[in-house]
PDB file of N, CA and C in Angstrom:
ATOM      1  N   MET A   1     -30.235  -4.849  62.016  1.00  0.00           N
ATOM      2  CA  MET A   1     -30.249  -4.363  60.645  1.00  0.00           C
ATOM      3  C   MET A   1     -28.812  -4.162  60.169  1.00  0.00           C
ATOM      4  N   ALA A   2     -28.517  -4.631  58.978  1.00  0.00           N
ATOM      5  CA  ALA A   2     -27.163  -4.544  58.432  1.00  0.00           C
ATOM      6  C   ALA A   2     -26.851  -3.119  57.996  1.00  0.00           C
ATOM      7  N   ASN A   3     -25.594  -2.795  58.081  1.00  0.00           N
ATOM      8  CA  ASN A   3     -25.141  -1.484  57.630  1.00  0.00           C
ATOM      9  C   ASN A   3     -24.986  -1.529  56.108  1.00  0.00           C
ATOM     10  N   THR A   4     -25.997  -1.070  55.393  1.00  0.00           N
ATOM     11  CA  THR A   4     -26.015  -1.190  53.938  1.00  0.00           C
ATOM     12  C   THR A   4     -24.975  -0.306  53.265  1.00  0.00           C
ATOM     13  N   SER A   5     -24.592   0.800  53.872  1.00  0.00           N
ATOM     14  CA  SER A   5     -23.602   1.666  53.231  1.00  0.00           C
ATOM     15  C   SER A   5     -22.253   0.969  53.135  1.00  0.00           C
ATOM     16  N   VAL A   6     -21.914   0.160  54.123  1.00  0.00           N
ATOM     17  CA  VAL A   6     -20.669  -0.592  54.066  1.00  0.00           C
ATOM     18  C   VAL A   6     -20.765  -1.656  52.986  1.00  0.00           C
ATOM     19  N   GLU A   7     -21.905  -2.336  52.906  1.00  0.00           N
ATOM     20  CA  GLU A   7     -22.085  -3.373  51.899  1.00  0.00           C
ATOM     21  C   GLU A   7     -22.014  -2.789  50.493  1.00  0.00           C
ATOM     22  N   ILE A   8     -22.662  -1.671  50.277  1.00  0.00           N
ATOM     23  CA  ILE A   8     -22.632  -1.031  48.963  1.00  0.00           C
ATOM     24  C   ILE A   8     -21.218  -0.553  48.658  1.00  0.00           C
ATOM     25  N   GLY A   9     -20.539   0.002  49.634  1.00  0.00           N
ATOM     26  CA  GLY A   9     -19.162   0.444  49.435  1.00  0.00           C
ATOM     27  C   GLY A   9     -18.252  -0.710  49.055  1.00  0.00           C
ATOM     28  N   LYS A  10     -18.483  -1.868  49.618  1.00  0.00           N
ATOM     29  CA  LYS A  10     -17.683  -3.039  49.278  1.00  0.00           C
ATOM     30  C   LYS A  10     -17.976  -3.501  47.858  1.00  0.00           C
ATOM     31  N   ILE A  11     -19.221  -3.455  47.451  1.00  0.00           N
ATOM     32  CA  ILE A  11     -19.608  -3.872  46.108  1.00  0.00           C
ATOM     33  C   ILE A  11     -19.009  -2.922  45.077  1.00  0.00           C
ATOM     34  N   MET A  12     -18.999  -1.650  45.358  1.00  0.00           N
ATOM     35  CA  MET A  12     -18.569  -0.650  44.381  1.00  0.00           C
ATOM     36  C   MET A  12     -17.160  -0.145  44.664  1.00  0.00           C
ATOM     37  N   GLU A  13     -16.252  -1.041  45.017  1.00  0.00           N
ATOM     38  CA  GLU A  13     -14.887  -0.595  45.245  1.00  0.00           C
ATOM     39  C   GLU A  13     -14.230  -0.242  43.908  1.00  0.00           C
ATOM     40  N   CYS A  14     -13.282   0.666  43.955  1.00  0.00           N
ATOM     41  CA  CYS A  14     -12.617   1.164  42.761  1.00  0.00           C
ATOM     42  C   CYS A  14     -11.989   0.015  41.969  1.00  0.00           C
ATOM     43  N   ASN A  15     -12.336  -0.083  40.690  1.00  0.00           N
ATOM     44  CA  ASN A  15     -11.782  -1.150  39.865  1.00  0.00           C
ATOM     45  C   ASN A  15     -11.280  -0.652  38.508  1.00  0.00           C
ATOM     46  N   ILE A  16     -11.115   0.675  38.352  1.00  0.00           N
ATOM     47  CA  ILE A  16     -10.539   1.230  37.127  1.00  0.00           C
ATOM     48  C   ILE A  16      -9.467   2.257  37.499  1.00  0.00           C
ATOM     49  N   ASP A  17      -8.531   2.436  36.590  1.00  0.00           N
ATOM     50  CA  ASP A  17      -7.457   3.391  36.841  1.00  0.00           C
ATOM     51  C   ASP A  17      -7.803   4.757  36.246  1.00  0.00           C
ATOM     52  N   ALA A  18      -6.859   5.670  36.276  1.00  0.00           N
ATOM     53  CA  ALA A  18      -7.098   7.041  35.804  1.00  0.00           C
ATOM     54  C   ALA A  18      -7.467   7.077  34.323  1.00  0.00           C
ATOM     55  N   ARG A  19      -6.805   6.231  33.504  1.00  0.00           N
ATOM     56  CA  ARG A  19      -7.155   6.196  32.071  1.00  0.00           C
ATOM     57  C   ARG A  19      -8.590   5.749  31.869  1.00  0.00           C
ATOM     58  N   GLY A  20      -9.013   4.736  32.596  1.00  0.00           N
ATOM     59  CA  GLY A  20     -10.386   4.250  32.495  1.00  0.00           C
ATOM     60  C   GLY A  20     -11.400   5.306  32.910  1.00  0.00           C
ATOM     61  N   LYS A  21     -11.053   6.073  33.933  1.00  0.00           N
ATOM     62  CA  LYS A  21     -11.939   7.151  34.379  1.00  0.00           C
ATOM     63  C   LYS A  21     -12.096   8.210  33.291  1.00  0.00           C
ATOM     64  N   VAL A  22     -10.980   8.564  32.651  1.00  0.00           N
ATOM     65  CA  VAL A  22     -11.024   9.582  31.590  1.00  0.00           C
ATOM     66  C   VAL A  22     -11.850   9.087  30.411  1.00  0.00           C
ATOM     67  N   VAL A  23     -11.633   7.836  30.007  1.00  0.00           N
ATOM     68  CA  VAL A  23     -12.382   7.276  28.877  1.00  0.00           C
ATOM     69  C   VAL A  23     -13.876   7.260  29.174  1.00  0.00           C
ATOM     70  N   ARG A  24     -14.244   6.860  30.385  1.00  0.00           N
ATOM     71  CA  ARG A  24     -15.663   6.825  30.739  1.00  0.00           C
ATOM     72  C   ARG A  24     -16.263   8.222  30.832  1.00  0.00           C
ATOM     73  N   MET A  25     -15.494   9.178  31.350  1.00  0.00           N
ATOM     74  CA  MET A  25     -15.997  10.548  31.455  1.00  0.00           C
ATOM     75  C   MET A  25     -16.223  11.156  30.073  1.00  0.00           C
ATOM     76  N   VAL A  26     -15.256  11.007  29.185  1.00  0.00           N
ATOM     77  CA  VAL A  26     -15.389  11.568  27.834  1.00  0.00           C
ATOM     78  C   VAL A  26     -16.533  10.887  27.088  1.00  0.00           C
ATOM     79  N   GLY A  27     -16.588   9.568  27.164  1.00  0.00           N
ATOM     80  CA  GLY A  27     -17.676   8.834  26.514  1.00  0.00           C
ATOM     81  C   GLY A  27     -19.032   9.202  27.080  1.00  0.00           C
ATOM     82  N   GLY A  28     -19.101   9.354  28.388  1.00  0.00           N
ATOM     83  CA  GLY A  28     -20.357   9.739  29.025  1.00  0.00           C
ATOM     84  C   GLY A  28     -20.802  11.134  28.636  1.00  0.00           C
ATOM     85  N   MET A  29     -19.855  12.054  28.579  1.00  0.00           N
ATOM     86  CA  MET A  29     -20.205  13.418  28.183  1.00  0.00           C
ATOM     87  C   MET A  29     -20.664  13.463  26.730  1.00  0.00           C
ATOM     88  N   PHE A  30     -19.993  12.704  25.872  1.00  0.00           N
ATOM     89  CA  PHE A  30     -20.392  12.639  24.465  1.00  0.00           C
ATOM     90  C   PHE A  30     -21.797  12.059  24.335  1.00  0.00           C
ATOM     91  N   SER A  31     -22.059  10.965  25.034  1.00  0.00           N
ATOM     92  CA  SER A  31     -23.368  10.324  24.972  1.00  0.00           C
ATOM     93  C   SER A  31     -24.459  11.253  25.518  1.00  0.00           C
ATOM     94  N   LEU A  32     -24.179  11.917  26.628  1.00  0.00           N
ATOM     95  CA  LEU A  32     -25.135  12.851  27.211  1.00  0.00           C
ATOM     96  C   LEU A  32     -25.437  14.003  26.249  1.00  0.00           C
ATOM     97  N   PHE A  33     -24.398  14.567  25.654  1.00  0.00           N
ATOM     98  CA  PHE A  33     -24.577  15.661  24.698  1.00  0.00           C
ATOM     99  C   PHE A  33     -25.380  15.202  23.486  1.00  0.00           C
ATOM    100  N   ALA A  34     -25.033  14.021  22.955  1.00  0.00           N
ATOM    101  CA  ALA A  34     -25.761  13.491  21.795  1.00  0.00           C
ATOM    102  C   ALA A  34     -27.229  13.257  22.137  1.00  0.00           C
ATOM    103  N   GLY A  35     -27.495  12.750  23.332  1.00  0.00           N
ATOM    104  CA  GLY A  35     -28.873  12.531  23.757  1.00  0.00           C
ATOM    105  C   GLY A  35     -29.660  13.819  23.868  1.00  0.00           C
ATOM    106  N   ILE A  36     -29.017  14.854  24.379  1.00  0.00           N
ATOM    107  CA  ILE A  36     -29.681  16.156  24.484  1.00  0.00           C
ATOM    108  C   ILE A  36     -29.978  16.712  23.096  1.00  0.00           C
ATOM    109  N   VAL A  37     -29.012  16.596  22.185  1.00  0.00           N
ATOM    110  CA  VAL A  37     -29.217  17.080  20.814  1.00  0.00           C
ATOM    111  C   VAL A  37     -30.376  16.339  20.153  1.00  0.00           C
ATOM    112  N   VAL A  38     -30.388  15.017  20.263  1.00  0.00           N
ATOM    113  CA  VAL A  38     -31.479  14.231  19.663  1.00  0.00           C
ATOM    114  C   VAL A  38     -32.813  14.605  20.309  1.00  0.00           C
ATOM    115  N   GLY A  39     -32.818  14.800  21.632  1.00  0.00           N
ATOM    116  CA  GLY A  39     -34.045  15.203  22.318  1.00  0.00           C
ATOM    117  C   GLY A  39     -34.552  16.560  21.857  1.00  0.00           C
ATOM    118  N   VAL A  40     -33.645  17.507  21.674  1.00  0.00           N
ATOM    119  CA  VAL A  40     -34.043  18.834  21.190  1.00  0.00           C
ATOM    120  C   VAL A  40     -34.593  18.742  19.767  1.00  0.00           C
ATOM    121  N   LEU A  41     -33.916  17.974  18.917  1.00  0.00           N
ATOM    122  CA  LEU A  41     -34.404  17.806  17.544  1.00  0.00           C
ATOM    123  C   LEU A  41     -35.771  17.128  17.516  1.00  0.00           C
ATOM    124  N   PHE A  42     -35.989  16.196  18.424  1.00  0.00           N
ATOM    125  CA  PHE A  42     -37.308  15.565  18.530  1.00  0.00           C
ATOM    126  C   PHE A  42     -38.351  16.589  18.996  1.00  0.00           C
ATOM    127  N   GLY A  43     -37.964  17.414  19.968  1.00  0.00           N
ATOM    128  CA  GLY A  43     -38.874  18.437  20.472  1.00  0.00           C
ATOM    129  C   GLY A  43     -39.218  19.501  19.435  1.00  0.00           C
ATOM    130  N   MET A  44     -38.313  19.718  18.481  1.00  0.00           N
ATOM    131  CA  MET A  44     -38.553  20.705  17.428  1.00  0.00           C
ATOM    132  C   MET A  44     -39.256  20.085  16.215  1.00  0.00           C
ATOM    133  N   ASP A  45     -39.665  18.824  16.339  1.00  0.00           N
ATOM    134  CA  ASP A  45     -40.343  18.077  15.276  1.00  0.00           C
ATOM    135  C   ASP A  45     -39.479  17.881  14.032  1.00  0.00           C
ATOM    136  N   ILE A  46     -38.178  17.882  14.202  1.00  0.00           N
ATOM    137  CA  ILE A  46     -37.282  17.540  13.097  1.00  0.00           C
ATOM    138  C   ILE A  46     -37.192  16.021  12.996  1.00  0.00           C
ATOM    139  N   PHE A  47     -37.046  15.370  14.162  1.00  0.00           N
ATOM    140  CA  PHE A  47     -37.183  13.913  14.248  1.00  0.00           C
ATOM    141  C   PHE A  47     -38.607  13.668  14.746  1.00  0.00           C
ATOM    142  N   THR A  48     -39.403  12.972  13.964  1.00  0.00           N
ATOM    143  CA  THR A  48     -40.827  12.900  14.293  1.00  0.00           C
ATOM    144  C   THR A  48     -41.300  11.571  14.860  1.00  0.00           C
ATOM    145  N   THR A  49     -40.558  10.493  14.664  1.00  0.00           N
ATOM    146  CA  THR A  49     -41.038   9.215  15.178  1.00  0.00           C
ATOM    147  C   THR A  49     -40.629   9.026  16.634  1.00  0.00           C
ATOM    148  N   SER A  50     -41.404   8.237  17.358  1.00  0.00           N
ATOM    149  CA  SER A  50     -41.154   8.046  18.785  1.00  0.00           C
ATOM    150  C   SER A  50     -39.861   7.278  19.053  1.00  0.00           C
ATOM    151  N   GLU A  51     -39.319   6.596  18.055  1.00  0.00           N
ATOM    152  CA  GLU A  51     -38.058   5.904  18.250  1.00  0.00           C
ATOM    153  C   GLU A  51     -36.935   6.891  18.587  1.00  0.00           C
ATOM    154  N   TRP A  52     -37.002   8.076  18.039  1.00  0.00           N
ATOM    155  CA  TRP A  52     -35.988   9.086  18.339  1.00  0.00           C
ATOM    156  C   TRP A  52     -36.039   9.516  19.798  1.00  0.00           C
ATOM    157  N   LEU A  53     -37.218   9.572  20.357  1.00  0.00           N
ATOM    158  CA  LEU A  53     -37.335   9.904  21.778  1.00  0.00           C
ATOM    159  C   LEU A  53     -36.706   8.799  22.622  1.00  0.00           C
ATOM    160  N   LEU A  54     -36.943   7.556  22.252  1.00  0.00           N
ATOM    161  CA  LEU A  54     -36.336   6.433  22.965  1.00  0.00           C
ATOM    162  C   LEU A  54     -34.816   6.477  22.852  1.00  0.00           C
ATOM    163  N   ILE A  55     -34.313   6.786  21.674  1.00  0.00           N
ATOM    164  CA  ILE A  55     -32.866   6.902  21.475  1.00  0.00           C
ATOM    165  C   ILE A  55     -32.299   8.010  22.355  1.00  0.00           C
ATOM    166  N   ALA A  56     -32.987   9.144  22.429  1.00  0.00           N
ATOM    167  CA  ALA A  56     -32.526  10.254  23.263  1.00  0.00           C
ATOM    168  C   ALA A  56     -32.466   9.843  24.731  1.00  0.00           C
ATOM    169  N   VAL A  57     -33.496   9.167  25.197  1.00  0.00           N
ATOM    170  CA  VAL A  57     -33.530   8.741  26.600  1.00  0.00           C
ATOM    171  C   VAL A  57     -32.407   7.745  26.886  1.00  0.00           C
ATOM    172  N   ILE A  58     -32.210   6.784  26.000  1.00  0.00           N
ATOM    173  CA  ILE A  58     -31.141   5.794  26.190  1.00  0.00           C
ATOM    174  C   ILE A  58     -29.770   6.468  26.214  1.00  0.00           C
ATOM    175  N   LEU A  59     -29.538   7.406  25.299  1.00  0.00           N
ATOM    176  CA  LEU A  59     -28.254   8.121  25.272  1.00  0.00           C
ATOM    177  C   LEU A  59     -28.036   8.929  26.551  1.00  0.00           C
ATOM    178  N   ILE A  60     -29.058   9.592  27.019  1.00  0.00           N
ATOM    179  CA  ILE A  60     -28.933  10.411  28.231  1.00  0.00           C
ATOM    180  C   ILE A  60     -28.688   9.545  29.459  1.00  0.00           C
ATOM    181  N   VAL A  61     -29.447   8.466  29.598  1.00  0.00           N
ATOM    182  CA  VAL A  61     -29.275   7.583  30.759  1.00  0.00           C
ATOM    183  C   VAL A  61     -27.906   6.913  30.738  1.00  0.00           C
ATOM    184  N   SER A  62     -27.502   6.405  29.570  1.00  0.00           N
ATOM    185  CA  SER A  62     -26.196   5.743  29.504  1.00  0.00           C
ATOM    186  C   SER A  62     -25.057   6.742  29.710  1.00  0.00           C
ATOM    187  N   GLY A  63     -25.216   7.960  29.220  1.00  0.00           N
ATOM    188  CA  GLY A  63     -24.207   8.990  29.453  1.00  0.00           C
ATOM    189  C   GLY A  63     -24.077   9.342  30.925  1.00  0.00           C
ATOM    190  N   CYS A  64     -25.202   9.489  31.595  1.00  0.00           N
ATOM    191  CA  CYS A  64     -25.174   9.779  33.029  1.00  0.00           C
ATOM    192  C   CYS A  64     -24.542   8.635  33.809  1.00  0.00           C
ATOM    193  N   PHE A  65     -24.843   7.396  33.421  1.00  0.00           N
ATOM    194  CA  PHE A  65     -24.265   6.246  34.104  1.00  0.00           C
ATOM    195  C   PHE A  65     -22.755   6.177  33.887  1.00  0.00           C
ATOM    196  N   ALA A  66     -22.295   6.478  32.682  1.00  0.00           N
ATOM    197  CA  ALA A  66     -20.853   6.470  32.407  1.00  0.00           C
ATOM    198  C   ALA A  66     -20.147   7.564  33.213  1.00  0.00           C
ATOM    199  N   ILE A  67     -20.766   8.716  33.336  1.00  0.00           N
ATOM    200  CA  ILE A  67     -20.186   9.793  34.146  1.00  0.00           C
ATOM    201  C   ILE A  67     -20.139   9.365  35.609  1.00  0.00           C
ATOM    202  N   PHE A  68     -21.190   8.713  36.086  1.00  0.00           N
ATOM    203  CA  PHE A  68     -21.203   8.185  37.448  1.00  0.00           C
ATOM    204  C   PHE A  68     -20.065   7.182  37.648  1.00  0.00           C
ATOM    205  N   GLU A  69     -19.887   6.265  36.691  1.00  0.00           N
ATOM    206  CA  GLU A  69     -18.808   5.282  36.784  1.00  0.00           C
ATOM    207  C   GLU A  69     -17.452   5.979  36.857  1.00  0.00           C
ATOM    208  N   SER A  70     -17.281   7.003  36.061  1.00  0.00           N
ATOM    209  CA  SER A  70     -16.026   7.737  36.053  1.00  0.00           C
ATOM    210  C   SER A  70     -15.763   8.388  37.407  1.00  0.00           C
ATOM    211  N   ARG A  71     -16.758   9.044  37.942  1.00  0.00           N
ATOM    212  CA  ARG A  71     -16.602   9.735  39.223  1.00  0.00           C
ATOM    213  C   ARG A  71     -16.390   8.757  40.373  1.00  0.00           C
ATOM    214  N   ALA A  72     -17.050   7.591  40.305  1.00  0.00           N
ATOM    215  CA  ALA A  72     -16.935   6.599  41.371  1.00  0.00           C
ATOM    216  C   ALA A  72     -15.683   5.741  41.226  1.00  0.00           C
ATOM    217  N   GLY A  73     -15.075   5.735  40.040  1.00  0.00           N
ATOM    218  CA  GLY A  73     -13.920   4.887  39.809  1.00  0.00           C
ATOM    219  C   GLY A  73     -14.303   3.420  39.724  1.00  0.00           C
ATOM    220  N   TRP A  74     -15.508   3.172  39.307  1.00  0.00           N
ATOM    221  CA  TRP A  74     -16.073   1.822  39.302  1.00  0.00           C
ATOM    222  C   TRP A  74     -16.660   1.526  37.934  1.00  0.00           C
ATOM    223  N   CYS A  75     -16.431   0.318  37.426  1.00  0.00           N
ATOM    224  CA  CYS A  75     -16.962  -0.092  36.131  1.00  0.00           C
ATOM    225  C   CYS A  75     -17.878  -1.291  36.340  1.00  0.00           C
ATOM    226  N   ALA A  76     -19.113  -1.182  35.890  1.00  0.00           N
ATOM    227  CA  ALA A  76     -20.083  -2.256  36.063  1.00  0.00           C
ATOM    228  C   ALA A  76     -19.654  -3.515  35.306  1.00  0.00           C
ATOM    229  N   VAL A  77     -19.097  -3.347  34.120  1.00  0.00           N
ATOM    230  CA  VAL A  77     -18.677  -4.501  33.325  1.00  0.00           C
ATOM    231  C   VAL A  77     -17.540  -5.235  34.028  1.00  0.00           C
ATOM    232  N   ARG A  78     -16.587  -4.503  34.554  1.00  0.00           N
ATOM    233  CA  ARG A  78     -15.493  -5.141  35.293  1.00  0.00           C
ATOM    234  C   ARG A  78     -15.998  -5.795  36.579  1.00  0.00           C
ATOM    235  N   ALA A  79     -16.994  -5.184  37.211  1.00  0.00           N
ATOM    236  CA  ALA A  79     -17.548  -5.748  38.433  1.00  0.00           C
ATOM    237  C   ALA A  79     -18.236  -7.087  38.153  1.00  0.00           C
ATOM    238  N   MET A  80     -18.688  -7.306  36.918  1.00  0.00           N
ATOM    239  CA  MET A  80     -19.305  -8.579  36.545  1.00  0.00           C
ATOM    240  C   MET A  80     -18.268  -9.631  36.177  1.00  0.00           C
ATOM    241  N   GLY A  81     -16.989  -9.263  36.178  1.00  0.00           N
ATOM    242  CA  GLY A  81     -15.935 -10.217  35.935  1.00  0.00           C
ATOM    243  C   GLY A  81     -15.323 -10.197  34.557  1.00  0.00           C
ATOM    244  N   PHE A  82     -15.789  -9.322  33.694  1.00  0.00           N
ATOM    245  CA  PHE A  82     -15.225  -9.220  32.350  1.00  0.00           C
ATOM    246  C   PHE A  82     -13.972  -8.350  32.385  1.00  0.00           C
ATOM    247  N   LYS A  83     -12.996  -8.693  31.576  1.00  0.00           N
ATOM    248  CA  LYS A  83     -11.777  -7.894  31.466  1.00  0.00           C
ATOM    249  C   LYS A  83     -11.966  -6.877  30.341  1.00  0.00           C
ATOM    250  N   THR A  84     -11.710  -5.614  30.634  1.00  0.00           N
ATOM    251  CA  THR A  84     -11.799  -4.565  29.633  1.00  0.00           C
ATOM    252  C   THR A  84     -10.403  -4.038  29.346  1.00  0.00           C
ATOM    253  N   PRO A  85     -10.141  -3.618  28.107  1.00  0.00           N
ATOM    254  CA  PRO A  85      -8.785  -3.172  27.766  1.00  0.00           C
ATOM    255  C   PRO A  85      -8.365  -1.880  28.461  1.00  0.00           C
ATOM    256  N   ILE A  86      -9.312  -1.067  28.860  1.00  0.00           N
ATOM    257  CA  ILE A  86      -8.965   0.212  29.521  1.00  0.00           C
ATOM    258  C   ILE A  86      -9.604   0.240  30.893  1.00  0.00           C
TER     259      ILE A  86
END
């Protein structure tokens, strides 16, 4: 059986610098906060259509993923071979 932790570690090697980590952390926190706000407004029946719930879930998931990228020092877009400015 292969050692999967080594394989995963190789796939997710650090590919962003300190500026990229900060940008992803701030963006992730903003997205997470916005998702929570939209979710609360949906729960209070201020936003009534189910599309708002979907928007809240997407914002929360993407915010959590951006925070994960920041903490790991890894960018999924860069890992796919695209060049990002930060």
